[in-house]
Amino acid sequence: MKCYDCDLAERGDTTAIGVCSRCGLVVCRAHARVTQVLVHLQRGPGKSSGDRPARRVVCGTCYGAEHPN
């Protein structure tokens, strides 16, 4: 698959490396943002998140919407 943002900019056949977990857009390494998120578990009373954060891929647009400056 080709990266959506690279295709819009007519940059050729840039191979996508991931899918945005928010909007489903395919992105290449240059346009992907890898973030961390805590995984919440259903375990009843007590701690409800994992000890290590999980990785999550988002596109630049969704990353900007989640982290406004």
PDB file of N, CA and C in Angstrom:
ATOM      1  N   MET A   1       0.831  -1.171   0.000  1.00  0.00           N
ATOM      2  CA  MET A   1       0.000   0.000   0.000  1.00  0.00           C
ATOM      3  C   MET A   1       0.876   1.234   0.000  1.00  0.00           C
ATOM      4  N   LYS A   2       0.340   2.311  -0.551  1.00  0.00           N
ATOM      5  CA  LYS A   2       1.052   3.578  -0.597  1.00  0.00           C
ATOM      6  C   LYS A   2       0.555   4.487   0.516  1.00  0.00           C
ATOM      7  N   CYS A   3       1.458   5.315   1.031  1.00  0.00           N
ATOM      8  CA  CYS A   3       1.106   6.297   2.053  1.00  0.00           C
ATOM      9  C   CYS A   3       0.139   7.317   1.454  1.00  0.00           C
ATOM     10  N   TYR A   4      -0.940   7.598   2.152  1.00  0.00           N
ATOM     11  CA  TYR A   4      -1.958   8.534   1.676  1.00  0.00           C
ATOM     12  C   TYR A   4      -1.392   9.953   1.521  1.00  0.00           C
ATOM     13  N   ASP A   5      -0.677  10.434   2.525  1.00  0.00           N
ATOM     14  CA  ASP A   5      -0.135  11.798   2.469  1.00  0.00           C
ATOM     15  C   ASP A   5       0.895  11.949   1.361  1.00  0.00           C
ATOM     16  N   CYS A   6       1.744  10.954   1.155  1.00  0.00           N
ATOM     17  CA  CYS A   6       2.724  11.005   0.066  1.00  0.00           C
ATOM     18  C   CYS A   6       2.031  10.955  -1.283  1.00  0.00           C
ATOM     19  N   ASP A   7       0.977  10.167  -1.391  1.00  0.00           N
ATOM     20  CA  ASP A   7       0.233  10.086  -2.636  1.00  0.00           C
ATOM     21  C   ASP A   7      -0.414  11.425  -2.972  1.00  0.00           C
ATOM     22  N   LEU A   8      -0.951  12.116  -1.978  1.00  0.00           N
ATOM     23  CA  LEU A   8      -1.543  13.441  -2.210  1.00  0.00           C
ATOM     24  C   LEU A   8      -0.498  14.443  -2.685  1.00  0.00           C
ATOM     25  N   ALA A   9       0.721  14.320  -2.163  1.00  0.00           N
ATOM     26  CA  ALA A   9       1.808  15.226  -2.544  1.00  0.00           C
ATOM     27  C   ALA A   9       2.515  14.770  -3.810  1.00  0.00           C
ATOM     28  N   GLU A  10       2.027  13.680  -4.425  1.00  0.00           N
ATOM     29  CA  GLU A  10       2.593  13.119  -5.656  1.00  0.00           C
ATOM     30  C   GLU A  10       4.074  12.802  -5.498  1.00  0.00           C
ATOM     31  N   ARG A  11       4.423  12.123  -4.408  1.00  0.00           N
ATOM     32  CA  ARG A  11       5.810  11.745  -4.138  1.00  0.00           C
ATOM     33  C   ARG A  11       6.152  10.345  -4.620  1.00  0.00           C
ATOM     34  N   GLY A  12       5.275   9.725  -5.332  1.00  0.00           N
ATOM     35  CA  GLY A  12       5.588   8.408  -5.862  1.00  0.00           C
ATOM     36  C   GLY A  12       5.045   7.282  -5.032  1.00  0.00           C
ATOM     37  N   ASP A  13       5.768   6.175  -5.041  1.00  0.00           N
ATOM     38  CA  ASP A  13       5.314   4.950  -4.393  1.00  0.00           C
ATOM     39  C   ASP A  13       5.951   4.755  -3.023  1.00  0.00           C
ATOM     40  N   THR A  14       5.627   5.607  -2.079  1.00  0.00           N
ATOM     41  CA  THR A  14       6.126   5.450  -0.719  1.00  0.00           C
ATOM     42  C   THR A  14       5.328   4.345  -0.037  1.00  0.00           C
ATOM     43  N   THR A  15       6.020   3.356   0.465  1.00  0.00           N
ATOM     44  CA  THR A  15       5.363   2.217   1.096  1.00  0.00           C
ATOM     45  C   THR A  15       4.860   2.583   2.484  1.00  0.00           C
ATOM     46  N   ALA A  16       3.626   2.237   2.757  1.00  0.00           N
ATOM     47  CA  ALA A  16       3.040   2.482   4.074  1.00  0.00           C
ATOM     48  C   ALA A  16       3.577   1.459   5.072  1.00  0.00           C
ATOM     49  N   ILE A  17       3.761   1.894   6.318  1.00  0.00           N
ATOM     50  CA  ILE A  17       4.263   1.001   7.368  1.00  0.00           C
ATOM     51  C   ILE A  17       3.234   0.740   8.452  1.00  0.00           C
ATOM     52  N   GLY A  18       2.134   1.499   8.431  1.00  0.00           N
ATOM     53  CA  GLY A  18       1.143   1.324   9.492  1.00  0.00           C
ATOM     54  C   GLY A  18      -0.186   1.954   9.140  1.00  0.00           C
ATOM     55  N   VAL A  19      -1.154   1.720  10.004  1.00  0.00           N
ATOM     56  CA  VAL A  19      -2.502   2.244   9.844  1.00  0.00           C
ATOM     57  C   VAL A  19      -2.825   3.093  11.071  1.00  0.00           C
ATOM     58  N   CYS A  20      -3.311   4.304  10.849  1.00  0.00           N
ATOM     59  CA  CYS A  20      -3.663   5.187  11.957  1.00  0.00           C
ATOM     60  C   CYS A  20      -4.763   4.530  12.796  1.00  0.00           C
ATOM     61  N   SER A  21      -4.535   4.457  14.096  1.00  0.00           N
ATOM     62  CA  SER A  21      -5.510   3.812  14.975  1.00  0.00           C
ATOM     63  C   SER A  21      -6.748   4.670  15.201  1.00  0.00           C
ATOM     64  N   ARG A  22      -6.726   5.935  14.804  1.00  0.00           N
ATOM     65  CA  ARG A  22      -7.882   6.820  14.969  1.00  0.00           C
ATOM     66  C   ARG A  22      -8.756   6.878  13.721  1.00  0.00           C
ATOM     67  N   CYS A  23      -8.142   7.121  12.557  1.00  0.00           N
ATOM     68  CA  CYS A  23      -8.937   7.340  11.338  1.00  0.00           C
ATOM     69  C   CYS A  23      -8.787   6.240  10.295  1.00  0.00           C
ATOM     70  N   GLY A  24      -7.816   5.342  10.452  1.00  0.00           N
ATOM     71  CA  GLY A  24      -7.646   4.234   9.526  1.00  0.00           C
ATOM     72  C   GLY A  24      -6.820   4.548   8.295  1.00  0.00           C
ATOM     73  N   LEU A  25      -6.217   5.709   8.216  1.00  0.00           N
ATOM     74  CA  LEU A  25      -5.384   6.110   7.085  1.00  0.00           C
ATOM     75  C   LEU A  25      -4.071   5.334   7.107  1.00  0.00           C
ATOM     76  N   VAL A  26      -3.567   4.921   5.944  1.00  0.00           N
ATOM     77  CA  VAL A  26      -2.264   4.253   5.898  1.00  0.00           C
ATOM     78  C   VAL A  26      -1.177   5.306   5.778  1.00  0.00           C
ATOM     79  N   VAL A  27      -0.090   5.122   6.533  1.00  0.00           N
ATOM     80  CA  VAL A  27       0.968   6.124   6.598  1.00  0.00           C
ATOM     81  C   VAL A  27       2.342   5.486   6.438  1.00  0.00           C
ATOM     82  N   CYS A  28       3.283   6.276   5.911  1.00  0.00           N
ATOM     83  CA  CYS A  28       4.673   5.836   5.786  1.00  0.00           C
ATOM     84  C   CYS A  28       5.426   6.229   7.050  1.00  0.00           C
ATOM     85  N   ARG A  29       6.693   5.907   7.088  1.00  0.00           N
ATOM     86  CA  ARG A  29       7.518   6.209   8.257  1.00  0.00           C
ATOM     87  C   ARG A  29       7.612   7.712   8.509  1.00  0.00           C
ATOM     88  N   ALA A  30       7.656   8.514   7.448  1.00  0.00           N
ATOM     89  CA  ALA A  30       7.778   9.967   7.610  1.00  0.00           C
ATOM     90  C   ALA A  30       6.504  10.601   8.163  1.00  0.00           C
ATOM     91  N   HIS A  31       5.356  10.044   7.854  1.00  0.00           N
ATOM     92  CA  HIS A  31       4.083  10.632   8.280  1.00  0.00           C
ATOM     93  C   HIS A  31       3.473   9.962   9.510  1.00  0.00           C
ATOM     94  N   ALA A  32       4.024   8.862   9.953  1.00  0.00           N
ATOM     95  CA  ALA A  32       3.491   8.159  11.127  1.00  0.00           C
ATOM     96  C   ALA A  32       4.034   8.776  12.409  1.00  0.00           C
ATOM     97  N   ARG A  33       3.228   8.774  13.422  1.00  0.00           N
ATOM     98  CA  ARG A  33       3.638   9.179  14.770  1.00  0.00           C
ATOM     99  C   ARG A  33       3.343   7.998  15.688  1.00  0.00           C
ATOM    100  N   VAL A  34       4.371   7.501  16.347  1.00  0.00           N
ATOM    101  CA  VAL A  34       4.190   6.382  17.266  1.00  0.00           C
ATOM    102  C   VAL A  34       4.094   6.965  18.667  1.00  0.00           C
ATOM    103  N   THR A  35       2.971   6.723  19.316  1.00  0.00           N
ATOM    104  CA  THR A  35       2.742   7.238  20.659  1.00  0.00           C
ATOM    105  C   THR A  35       2.587   6.073  21.626  1.00  0.00           C
ATOM    106  N   GLN A  36       2.537   6.384  22.890  1.00  0.00           N
ATOM    107  CA  GLN A  36       2.316   5.362  23.903  1.00  0.00           C
ATOM    108  C   GLN A  36       0.973   5.596  24.566  1.00  0.00           C
ATOM    109  N   VAL A  37       0.322   4.513  24.931  1.00  0.00           N
ATOM    110  CA  VAL A  37      -0.971   4.588  25.603  1.00  0.00           C
ATOM    111  C   VAL A  37      -1.020   3.494  26.665  1.00  0.00           C
ATOM    112  N   LEU A  38      -1.593   3.833  27.819  1.00  0.00           N
ATOM    113  CA  LEU A  38      -1.770   2.828  28.859  1.00  0.00           C
ATOM    114  C   LEU A  38      -2.944   1.931  28.496  1.00  0.00           C
ATOM    115  N   VAL A  39      -2.755   0.643  28.679  1.00  0.00           N
ATOM    116  CA  VAL A  39      -3.808  -0.327  28.406  1.00  0.00           C
ATOM    117  C   VAL A  39      -4.596  -0.547  29.696  1.00  0.00           C
ATOM    118  N   HIS A  40      -5.890  -0.317  29.639  1.00  0.00           N
ATOM    119  CA  HIS A  40      -6.747  -0.509  30.810  1.00  0.00           C
ATOM    120  C   HIS A  40      -7.344  -1.910  30.772  1.00  0.00           C
ATOM    121  N   LEU A  41      -7.260  -2.581  31.895  1.00  0.00           N
ATOM    122  CA  LEU A  41      -7.702  -3.959  32.002  1.00  0.00           C
ATOM    123  C   LEU A  41      -8.954  -4.052  32.866  1.00  0.00           C
ATOM    124  N   GLN A  42      -9.793  -5.010  32.594  1.00  0.00           N
ATOM    125  CA  GLN A  42     -10.980  -5.254  33.402  1.00  0.00           C
ATOM    126  C   GLN A  42     -10.646  -6.328  34.428  1.00  0.00           C
ATOM    127  N   ARG A  43     -10.264  -5.907  35.620  1.00  0.00           N
ATOM    128  CA  ARG A  43      -9.848  -6.867  36.651  1.00  0.00           C
ATOM    129  C   ARG A  43     -10.576  -6.690  37.972  1.00  0.00           C
ATOM    130  N   GLY A  44     -11.540  -5.833  38.048  1.00  0.00           N
ATOM    131  CA  GLY A  44     -12.219  -5.608  39.315  1.00  0.00           C
ATOM    132  C   GLY A  44     -11.521  -4.533  40.120  1.00  0.00           C
ATOM    133  N   PRO A  45     -11.615  -4.599  41.450  1.00  0.00           N
ATOM    134  CA  PRO A  45     -11.007  -3.561  42.279  1.00  0.00           C
ATOM    135  C   PRO A  45      -9.478  -3.616  42.219  1.00  0.00           C
ATOM    136  N   GLY A  46      -8.859  -2.471  42.427  1.00  0.00           N
ATOM    137  CA  GLY A  46      -7.405  -2.405  42.393  1.00  0.00           C
ATOM    138  C   GLY A  46      -6.906  -1.758  41.110  1.00  0.00           C
ATOM    139  N   LYS A  47      -5.648  -1.985  40.818  1.00  0.00           N
ATOM    140  CA  LYS A  47      -5.008  -1.396  39.647  1.00  0.00           C
ATOM    141  C   LYS A  47      -5.686  -1.879  38.370  1.00  0.00           C
ATOM    142  N   SER A  48      -5.967  -0.944  37.461  1.00  0.00           N
ATOM    143  CA  SER A  48      -6.682  -1.326  36.242  1.00  0.00           C
ATOM    144  C   SER A  48      -5.912  -1.007  34.972  1.00  0.00           C
ATOM    145  N   SER A  49      -4.614  -0.756  35.071  1.00  0.00           N
ATOM    146  CA  SER A  49      -3.820  -0.525  33.870  1.00  0.00           C
ATOM    147  C   SER A  49      -2.575  -1.392  33.915  1.00  0.00           C
ATOM    148  N   GLY A  50      -2.033  -1.666  32.730  1.00  0.00           N
ATOM    149  CA  GLY A  50      -0.834  -2.486  32.642  1.00  0.00           C
ATOM    150  C   GLY A  50       0.390  -1.745  33.158  1.00  0.00           C
ATOM    151  N   ASP A  51       1.474  -2.468  33.389  1.00  0.00           N
ATOM    152  CA  ASP A  51       2.704  -1.865  33.896  1.00  0.00           C
ATOM    153  C   ASP A  51       3.476  -1.127  32.806  1.00  0.00           C
ATOM    154  N   ARG A  52       3.345  -1.571  31.569  1.00  0.00           N
ATOM    155  CA  ARG A  52       4.061  -0.951  30.460  1.00  0.00           C
ATOM    156  C   ARG A  52       3.073  -0.353  29.473  1.00  0.00           C
ATOM    157  N   PRO A  53       3.378   0.819  28.921  1.00  0.00           N
ATOM    158  CA  PRO A  53       2.493   1.378  27.903  1.00  0.00           C
ATOM    159  C   PRO A  53       2.624   0.609  26.589  1.00  0.00           C
ATOM    160  N   ALA A  54       1.550   0.593  25.818  1.00  0.00           N
ATOM    161  CA  ALA A  54       1.551  -0.053  24.507  1.00  0.00           C
ATOM    162  C   ALA A  54       1.870   0.991  23.438  1.00  0.00           C
ATOM    163  N   ARG A  55       2.324   0.524  22.286  1.00  0.00           N
ATOM    164  CA  ARG A  55       2.561   1.426  21.157  1.00  0.00           C
ATOM    165  C   ARG A  55       1.279   1.627  20.376  1.00  0.00           C
ATOM    166  N   ARG A  56       1.169   2.809  19.759  1.00  0.00           N
ATOM    167  CA  ARG A  56       0.007   3.124  18.942  1.00  0.00           C
ATOM    168  C   ARG A  56       0.471   4.016  17.801  1.00  0.00           C
ATOM    169  N   VAL A  57       0.070   3.705  16.581  1.00  0.00           N
ATOM    170  CA  VAL A  57       0.428   4.506  15.406  1.00  0.00           C
ATOM    171  C   VAL A  57      -0.737   5.425  15.073  1.00  0.00           C
ATOM    172  N   VAL A  58      -0.429   6.700  14.866  1.00  0.00           N
ATOM    173  CA  VAL A  58      -1.427   7.665  14.407  1.00  0.00           C
ATOM    174  C   VAL A  58      -0.822   8.484  13.275  1.00  0.00           C
ATOM    175  N   CYS A  59      -1.685   9.019  12.409  1.00  0.00           N
ATOM    176  CA  CYS A  59      -1.221   9.889  11.333  1.00  0.00           C
ATOM    177  C   CYS A  59      -0.933  11.274  11.899  1.00  0.00           C
ATOM    178  N   GLY A  60      -0.290  12.131  11.119  1.00  0.00           N
ATOM    179  CA  GLY A  60       0.049  13.474  11.573  1.00  0.00           C
ATOM    180  C   GLY A  60      -1.161  14.318  11.905  1.00  0.00           C
ATOM    181  N   THR A  61      -2.237  14.167  11.155  1.00  0.00           N
ATOM    182  CA  THR A  61      -3.454  14.937  11.402  1.00  0.00           C
ATOM    183  C   THR A  61      -4.073  14.565  12.741  1.00  0.00           C
ATOM    184  N   CYS A  62      -4.218  13.279  13.008  1.00  0.00           N
ATOM    185  CA  CYS A  62      -4.798  12.840  14.279  1.00  0.00           C
ATOM    186  C   CYS A  62      -3.872  13.179  15.445  1.00  0.00           C
ATOM    187  N   TYR A  63      -2.559  13.072  15.249  1.00  0.00           N
ATOM    188  CA  TYR A  63      -1.623  13.438  16.299  1.00  0.00           C
ATOM    189  C   TYR A  63      -1.771  14.917  16.648  1.00  0.00           C
ATOM    190  N   GLY A  64      -1.892  15.771  15.639  1.00  0.00           N
ATOM    191  CA  GLY A  64      -2.082  17.196  15.861  1.00  0.00           C
ATOM    192  C   GLY A  64      -3.390  17.501  16.582  1.00  0.00           C
ATOM    193  N   ALA A  65      -4.442  16.742  16.279  1.00  0.00           N
ATOM    194  CA  ALA A  65      -5.720  16.949  16.946  1.00  0.00           C
ATOM    195  C   ALA A  65      -5.660  16.520  18.409  1.00  0.00           C
ATOM    196  N   GLU A  66      -4.868  15.491  18.697  1.00  0.00           N
ATOM    197  CA  GLU A  66      -4.749  14.999  20.070  1.00  0.00           C
ATOM    198  C   GLU A  66      -3.790  15.829  20.914  1.00  0.00           C
ATOM    199  N   HIS A  67      -2.835  16.483  20.283  1.00  0.00           N
ATOM    200  CA  HIS A  67      -1.804  17.249  20.992  1.00  0.00           C
ATOM    201  C   HIS A  67      -1.740  18.690  20.468  1.00  0.00           C
ATOM    202  N   PRO A  68      -2.797  19.472  20.670  1.00  0.00           N
ATOM    203  CA  PRO A  68      -2.765  20.857  20.170  1.00  0.00           C
ATOM    204  C   PRO A  68      -1.764  21.704  20.960  1.00  0.00           C
ATOM    205  N   ASN A  69      -1.096  22.601  20.260  1.00  0.00           N
ATOM    206  CA  ASN A  69      -0.128  23.492  20.936  1.00  0.00           C
ATOM    207  C   ASN A  69      -0.569  24.907  20.855  1.00  0.00           C
TER     208      ASN A  69
END
